[in-house]
Amino acid sequence: MKTILKFWIGLGILVILSPLGLIIPGLLKSSSAWGEWGVEEIEKLAGYVPRGLAKLSSFWNAPVPDYAFKGWEEKSLTQLSFAYIFSAIAGAAAVAALAYLAGKMLTKKKN
């Protein structure tokens, strides 16, 4: 089996498993997935927000906050899992497209 095919199969498996970040915290009755905390949640967990994080927290806003569509915050676990998978596909496609374009630009032969 070619390496690129193994890569795409592995990526597909990771995309399908992406809702685990939503399902496991629910099963364990925790507030959210580890490391996906906002500034408010960090302050609640640690008691303070590091100055640099507070300064940069408004610098970047996710294109799909919480990996869900606007207005889907209270949807069922099945629907939210679909949104996670969609976000994973969109993110993987964007990274693959950028990597492909960068590769094309870097390997462009001069005439």
N, C-alpha and C. Protein backbone atom coordinates (compact mmCIF):
# COMPACT_ATOMS: atom_id res chain seq x y z
N MET A 1 0.85 -1.18 0.00
CA MET A 1 0.00 0.00 0.00
C MET A 1 0.89 1.24 0.00
N LYS A 2 0.57 2.19 -0.84
CA LYS A 2 1.37 3.40 -0.94
C LYS A 2 1.25 4.25 0.32
N THR A 3 2.30 4.98 0.60
CA THR A 3 2.35 5.82 1.79
C THR A 3 1.24 6.87 1.78
N ILE A 4 0.96 7.49 0.64
CA ILE A 4 -0.06 8.54 0.58
C ILE A 4 -1.44 7.97 0.88
N LEU A 5 -1.70 6.74 0.44
CA LEU A 5 -2.99 6.11 0.73
C LEU A 5 -3.10 5.83 2.23
N LYS A 6 -2.03 5.38 2.85
CA LYS A 6 -2.01 5.16 4.30
C LYS A 6 -2.28 6.47 5.04
N PHE A 7 -1.69 7.55 4.54
CA PHE A 7 -1.90 8.86 5.15
C PHE A 7 -3.38 9.25 5.11
N TRP A 8 -4.02 9.11 3.94
CA TRP A 8 -5.42 9.50 3.80
C TRP A 8 -6.34 8.61 4.63
N ILE A 9 -6.02 7.32 4.72
CA ILE A 9 -6.81 6.42 5.56
C ILE A 9 -6.68 6.83 7.02
N GLY A 10 -5.45 7.09 7.46
CA GLY A 10 -5.23 7.54 8.83
C GLY A 10 -5.94 8.85 9.14
N LEU A 11 -5.87 9.78 8.21
CA LEU A 11 -6.55 11.06 8.39
C LEU A 11 -8.06 10.86 8.47
N GLY A 12 -8.59 9.99 7.62
CA GLY A 12 -10.03 9.69 7.65
C GLY A 12 -10.46 9.10 8.98
N ILE A 13 -9.64 8.21 9.53
CA ILE A 13 -9.95 7.62 10.83
C ILE A 13 -9.95 8.69 11.92
N LEU A 14 -8.97 9.59 11.87
CA LEU A 14 -8.92 10.68 12.86
C LEU A 14 -10.13 11.61 12.74
N VAL A 15 -10.56 11.87 11.52
CA VAL A 15 -11.75 12.71 11.30
C VAL A 15 -12.98 12.05 11.92
N ILE A 16 -13.13 10.75 11.68
CA ILE A 16 -14.29 10.04 12.22
C ILE A 16 -14.24 9.98 13.74
N LEU A 17 -13.04 9.90 14.31
CA LEU A 17 -12.89 9.85 15.77
C LEU A 17 -12.96 11.22 16.44
N SER A 18 -13.00 12.29 15.67
CA SER A 18 -12.97 13.64 16.26
C SER A 18 -14.09 13.91 17.26
N PRO A 19 -15.29 13.34 17.12
CA PRO A 19 -16.31 13.60 18.15
C PRO A 19 -15.97 13.04 19.53
N LEU A 20 -14.92 12.23 19.64
CA LEU A 20 -14.54 11.74 20.97
C LEU A 20 -14.21 12.88 21.92
N GLY A 21 -13.73 14.00 21.37
CA GLY A 21 -13.45 15.18 22.18
C GLY A 21 -14.71 15.77 22.78
N LEU A 22 -15.84 15.44 22.22
CA LEU A 22 -17.14 15.89 22.72
C LEU A 22 -17.78 14.82 23.61
N ILE A 23 -17.64 13.57 23.21
CA ILE A 23 -18.31 12.47 23.89
C ILE A 23 -17.65 12.13 25.23
N ILE A 24 -16.33 12.01 25.25
CA ILE A 24 -15.63 11.58 26.48
C ILE A 24 -15.83 12.55 27.64
N PRO A 25 -15.69 13.88 27.45
CA PRO A 25 -15.97 14.77 28.60
C PRO A 25 -17.40 14.63 29.11
N GLY A 26 -18.35 14.35 28.20
CA GLY A 26 -19.72 14.14 28.64
C GLY A 26 -19.87 12.88 29.48
N LEU A 27 -19.19 11.81 29.07
CA LEU A 27 -19.24 10.56 29.83
C LEU A 27 -18.58 10.70 31.19
N LEU A 28 -17.49 11.47 31.25
CA LEU A 28 -16.77 11.66 32.49
C LEU A 28 -17.32 12.80 33.34
N LYS A 29 -18.37 13.44 32.83
CA LYS A 29 -19.02 14.57 33.52
C LYS A 29 -18.03 15.69 33.85
N SER A 30 -17.15 15.97 32.88
CA SER A 30 -16.23 17.09 33.05
C SER A 30 -16.76 18.27 32.25
N SER A 31 -16.21 19.44 32.48
CA SER A 31 -16.74 20.64 31.85
C SER A 31 -16.44 20.71 30.35
N SER A 32 -15.23 20.32 29.96
CA SER A 32 -14.88 20.38 28.54
C SER A 32 -13.67 19.49 28.28
N ALA A 33 -13.34 19.36 27.02
CA ALA A 33 -12.17 18.55 26.65
C ALA A 33 -10.91 19.23 27.17
N TRP A 34 -9.91 18.40 27.53
CA TRP A 34 -8.67 18.93 28.07
C TRP A 34 -7.98 19.83 27.05
N GLY A 35 -7.62 21.03 27.48
CA GLY A 35 -6.88 21.95 26.63
C GLY A 35 -7.73 22.83 25.74
N GLU A 36 -9.03 22.68 25.77
CA GLU A 36 -9.90 23.51 24.93
C GLU A 36 -10.57 24.59 25.76
N TRP A 37 -9.86 25.10 26.72
CA TRP A 37 -10.43 26.08 27.62
C TRP A 37 -10.34 27.49 27.07
N GLY A 38 -11.35 28.28 27.36
CA GLY A 38 -11.31 29.70 27.07
C GLY A 38 -10.69 30.44 28.25
N VAL A 39 -10.53 31.72 28.11
CA VAL A 39 -9.91 32.53 29.17
C VAL A 39 -10.70 32.42 30.47
N GLU A 40 -12.04 32.45 30.38
CA GLU A 40 -12.86 32.39 31.58
C GLU A 40 -12.68 31.06 32.31
N GLU A 41 -12.61 29.98 31.53
CA GLU A 41 -12.45 28.66 32.14
C GLU A 41 -11.06 28.48 32.75
N ILE A 42 -10.04 29.05 32.12
CA ILE A 42 -8.69 29.00 32.69
C ILE A 42 -8.65 29.75 34.01
N GLU A 43 -9.32 30.88 34.06
CA GLU A 43 -9.35 31.65 35.31
C GLU A 43 -10.04 30.85 36.41
N LYS A 44 -11.10 30.14 36.05
CA LYS A 44 -11.82 29.33 37.03
C LYS A 44 -10.97 28.15 37.50
N LEU A 45 -10.23 27.53 36.57
CA LEU A 45 -9.42 26.36 36.92
C LEU A 45 -8.14 26.73 37.66
N ALA A 46 -7.45 27.77 37.18
CA ALA A 46 -6.13 28.12 37.73
C ALA A 46 -6.19 29.24 38.76
N GLY A 47 -7.27 29.99 38.75
CA GLY A 47 -7.37 31.11 39.68
C GLY A 47 -6.87 32.42 39.10
N TYR A 48 -6.25 32.39 37.94
CA TYR A 48 -5.78 33.60 37.28
C TYR A 48 -5.60 33.31 35.80
N VAL A 49 -5.43 34.36 35.02
CA VAL A 49 -5.14 34.22 33.59
C VAL A 49 -3.77 34.84 33.34
N PRO A 50 -2.85 34.09 32.76
CA PRO A 50 -1.54 34.67 32.45
C PRO A 50 -1.70 35.93 31.59
N ARG A 51 -0.87 36.92 31.88
CA ARG A 51 -0.97 38.22 31.22
C ARG A 51 -0.90 38.11 29.69
N GLY A 52 0.03 37.30 29.19
CA GLY A 52 0.18 37.14 27.75
C GLY A 52 -1.05 36.52 27.11
N LEU A 53 -1.65 35.55 27.80
CA LEU A 53 -2.85 34.91 27.27
C LEU A 53 -4.02 35.89 27.26
N ALA A 54 -4.15 36.66 28.32
CA ALA A 54 -5.23 37.66 28.38
C ALA A 54 -5.06 38.68 27.25
N LYS A 55 -3.81 39.05 26.99
CA LYS A 55 -3.53 40.05 25.96
C LYS A 55 -3.85 39.52 24.56
N LEU A 56 -3.52 38.25 24.31
CA LEU A 56 -3.70 37.67 22.98
C LEU A 56 -5.03 36.96 22.77
N SER A 57 -5.85 36.85 23.81
CA SER A 57 -7.08 36.07 23.70
C SER A 57 -8.06 36.62 22.68
N SER A 58 -8.04 37.90 22.43
CA SER A 58 -8.97 38.47 21.45
C SER A 58 -8.34 38.58 20.06
N PHE A 59 -7.08 38.16 19.93
CA PHE A 59 -6.37 38.26 18.65
C PHE A 59 -6.93 37.30 17.61
N TRP A 60 -7.30 36.08 18.03
CA TRP A 60 -7.76 35.07 17.10
C TRP A 60 -9.15 34.59 17.49
N ASN A 61 -10.06 34.61 16.54
CA ASN A 61 -11.38 34.04 16.74
C ASN A 61 -11.55 32.88 15.79
N ALA A 62 -11.96 31.75 16.30
CA ALA A 62 -12.10 30.55 15.48
C ALA A 62 -13.19 30.75 14.43
N PRO A 63 -12.97 30.25 13.21
CA PRO A 63 -14.00 30.37 12.17
C PRO A 63 -15.26 29.59 12.53
N VAL A 64 -15.11 28.48 13.25
CA VAL A 64 -16.26 27.68 13.70
C VAL A 64 -16.09 27.46 15.21
N PRO A 65 -16.50 28.43 16.03
CA PRO A 65 -16.30 28.31 17.47
C PRO A 65 -16.97 27.06 18.04
N ASP A 66 -16.29 26.39 18.95
CA ASP A 66 -16.78 25.17 19.59
C ASP A 66 -17.08 24.06 18.60
N TYR A 67 -16.51 24.15 17.41
CA TYR A 67 -16.66 23.14 16.36
C TYR A 67 -18.11 22.91 15.96
N ALA A 68 -18.97 23.87 16.20
CA ALA A 68 -20.39 23.71 15.88
C ALA A 68 -20.86 24.90 15.06
N PHE A 69 -21.96 24.70 14.39
CA PHE A 69 -22.55 25.77 13.58
C PHE A 69 -23.26 26.76 14.49
N LYS A 70 -23.43 27.98 14.00
CA LYS A 70 -24.10 29.01 14.79
C LYS A 70 -25.53 28.55 15.10
N GLY A 71 -25.89 28.63 16.37
CA GLY A 71 -27.22 28.23 16.81
C GLY A 71 -27.34 26.76 17.18
N TRP A 72 -26.24 26.01 17.08
CA TRP A 72 -26.29 24.57 17.38
C TRP A 72 -25.82 24.25 18.79
N GLU A 73 -25.63 25.23 19.64
CA GLU A 73 -25.05 25.02 20.96
C GLU A 73 -25.85 24.03 21.80
N GLU A 74 -27.14 23.98 21.63
CA GLU A 74 -28.00 23.11 22.45
C GLU A 74 -28.54 21.91 21.69
N LYS A 75 -27.91 21.54 20.59
CA LYS A 75 -28.36 20.40 19.79
C LYS A 75 -27.97 19.09 20.47
N SER A 76 -28.48 17.98 19.91
CA SER A 76 -28.19 16.67 20.49
C SER A 76 -26.74 16.27 20.24
N LEU A 77 -26.29 15.26 20.96
CA LEU A 77 -24.92 14.78 20.82
C LEU A 77 -24.65 14.28 19.40
N THR A 78 -25.63 13.65 18.78
CA THR A 78 -25.48 13.16 17.40
C THR A 78 -25.25 14.33 16.44
N GLN A 79 -26.04 15.38 16.57
CA GLN A 79 -25.89 16.54 15.69
C GLN A 79 -24.57 17.27 15.96
N LEU A 80 -24.18 17.38 17.21
CA LEU A 80 -22.91 18.03 17.52
C LEU A 80 -21.74 17.18 17.02
N SER A 81 -21.88 15.86 17.05
CA SER A 81 -20.84 14.99 16.50
C SER A 81 -20.68 15.22 15.01
N PHE A 82 -21.79 15.41 14.31
CA PHE A 82 -21.74 15.74 12.88
C PHE A 82 -20.98 17.04 12.67
N ALA A 83 -21.23 18.04 13.51
CA ALA A 83 -20.54 19.33 13.38
C ALA A 83 -19.04 19.15 13.63
N TYR A 84 -18.65 18.30 14.59
CA TYR A 84 -17.23 18.03 14.83
C TYR A 84 -16.59 17.40 13.60
N ILE A 85 -17.27 16.42 13.01
CA ILE A 85 -16.73 15.75 11.82
C ILE A 85 -16.62 16.74 10.67
N PHE A 86 -17.63 17.59 10.49
CA PHE A 86 -17.58 18.60 9.44
C PHE A 86 -16.41 19.56 9.67
N SER A 87 -16.20 19.98 10.90
CA SER A 87 -15.09 20.87 11.21
C SER A 87 -13.75 20.20 10.93
N ALA A 88 -13.65 18.92 11.26
CA ALA A 88 -12.41 18.18 11.00
C ALA A 88 -12.15 18.07 9.50
N ILE A 89 -13.19 17.79 8.73
CA ILE A 89 -13.04 17.70 7.27
C ILE A 89 -12.63 19.06 6.70
N ALA A 90 -13.29 20.12 7.14
CA ALA A 90 -12.98 21.46 6.64
C ALA A 90 -11.54 21.86 7.00
N GLY A 91 -11.12 21.58 8.23
CA GLY A 91 -9.76 21.91 8.64
C GLY A 91 -8.72 21.11 7.88
N ALA A 92 -8.96 19.81 7.73
CA ALA A 92 -8.02 18.95 7.00
C ALA A 92 -7.95 19.37 5.54
N ALA A 93 -9.08 19.71 4.95
CA ALA A 93 -9.09 20.14 3.55
C ALA A 93 -8.33 21.46 3.38
N ALA A 94 -8.51 22.38 4.32
CA ALA A 94 -7.80 23.66 4.22
C ALA A 94 -6.29 23.47 4.34
N VAL A 95 -5.87 22.63 5.29
CA VAL A 95 -4.43 22.38 5.46
C VAL A 95 -3.87 21.65 4.25
N ALA A 96 -4.61 20.66 3.73
CA ALA A 96 -4.15 19.92 2.54
C ALA A 96 -4.03 20.85 1.33
N ALA A 97 -5.00 21.73 1.16
CA ALA A 97 -4.96 22.66 0.03
C ALA A 97 -3.78 23.62 0.15
N LEU A 98 -3.54 24.15 1.35
CA LEU A 98 -2.41 25.05 1.54
C LEU A 98 -1.08 24.34 1.33
N ALA A 99 -0.98 23.10 1.82
CA ALA A 99 0.25 22.34 1.62
C ALA A 99 0.47 22.03 0.15
N TYR A 100 -0.58 21.70 -0.57
CA TYR A 100 -0.49 21.42 -2.00
C TYR A 100 -0.03 22.66 -2.77
N LEU A 101 -0.67 23.79 -2.47
CA LEU A 101 -0.29 25.04 -3.14
C LEU A 101 1.14 25.45 -2.82
N ALA A 102 1.54 25.31 -1.56
CA ALA A 102 2.91 25.64 -1.17
C ALA A 102 3.89 24.73 -1.90
N GLY A 103 3.57 23.45 -2.00
CA GLY A 103 4.43 22.52 -2.72
C GLY A 103 4.56 22.87 -4.18
N LYS A 104 3.45 23.25 -4.79
CA LYS A 104 3.47 23.66 -6.20
C LYS A 104 4.32 24.91 -6.40
N MET A 105 4.17 25.87 -5.50
CA MET A 105 4.93 27.11 -5.63
C MET A 105 6.42 26.87 -5.40
N LEU A 106 6.77 26.01 -4.47
CA LEU A 106 8.17 25.76 -4.15
C LEU A 106 8.88 24.91 -5.20
N THR A 107 8.12 24.10 -5.90
CA THR A 107 8.75 23.22 -6.90
C THR A 107 8.57 23.73 -8.32
N LYS A 108 8.04 24.92 -8.45
CA LYS A 108 7.81 25.50 -9.77
C LYS A 108 9.15 25.67 -10.50
N LYS A 109 9.21 25.13 -11.70
CA LYS A 109 10.46 25.22 -12.48
C LYS A 109 10.49 26.54 -13.23
N LYS A 110 11.68 27.09 -13.30
CA LYS A 110 11.86 28.32 -14.06
C LYS A 110 12.05 27.97 -15.54
N ASN A 111 11.44 28.73 -16.39
CA ASN A 111 11.56 28.49 -17.84
C ASN A 111 12.75 29.19 -18.41
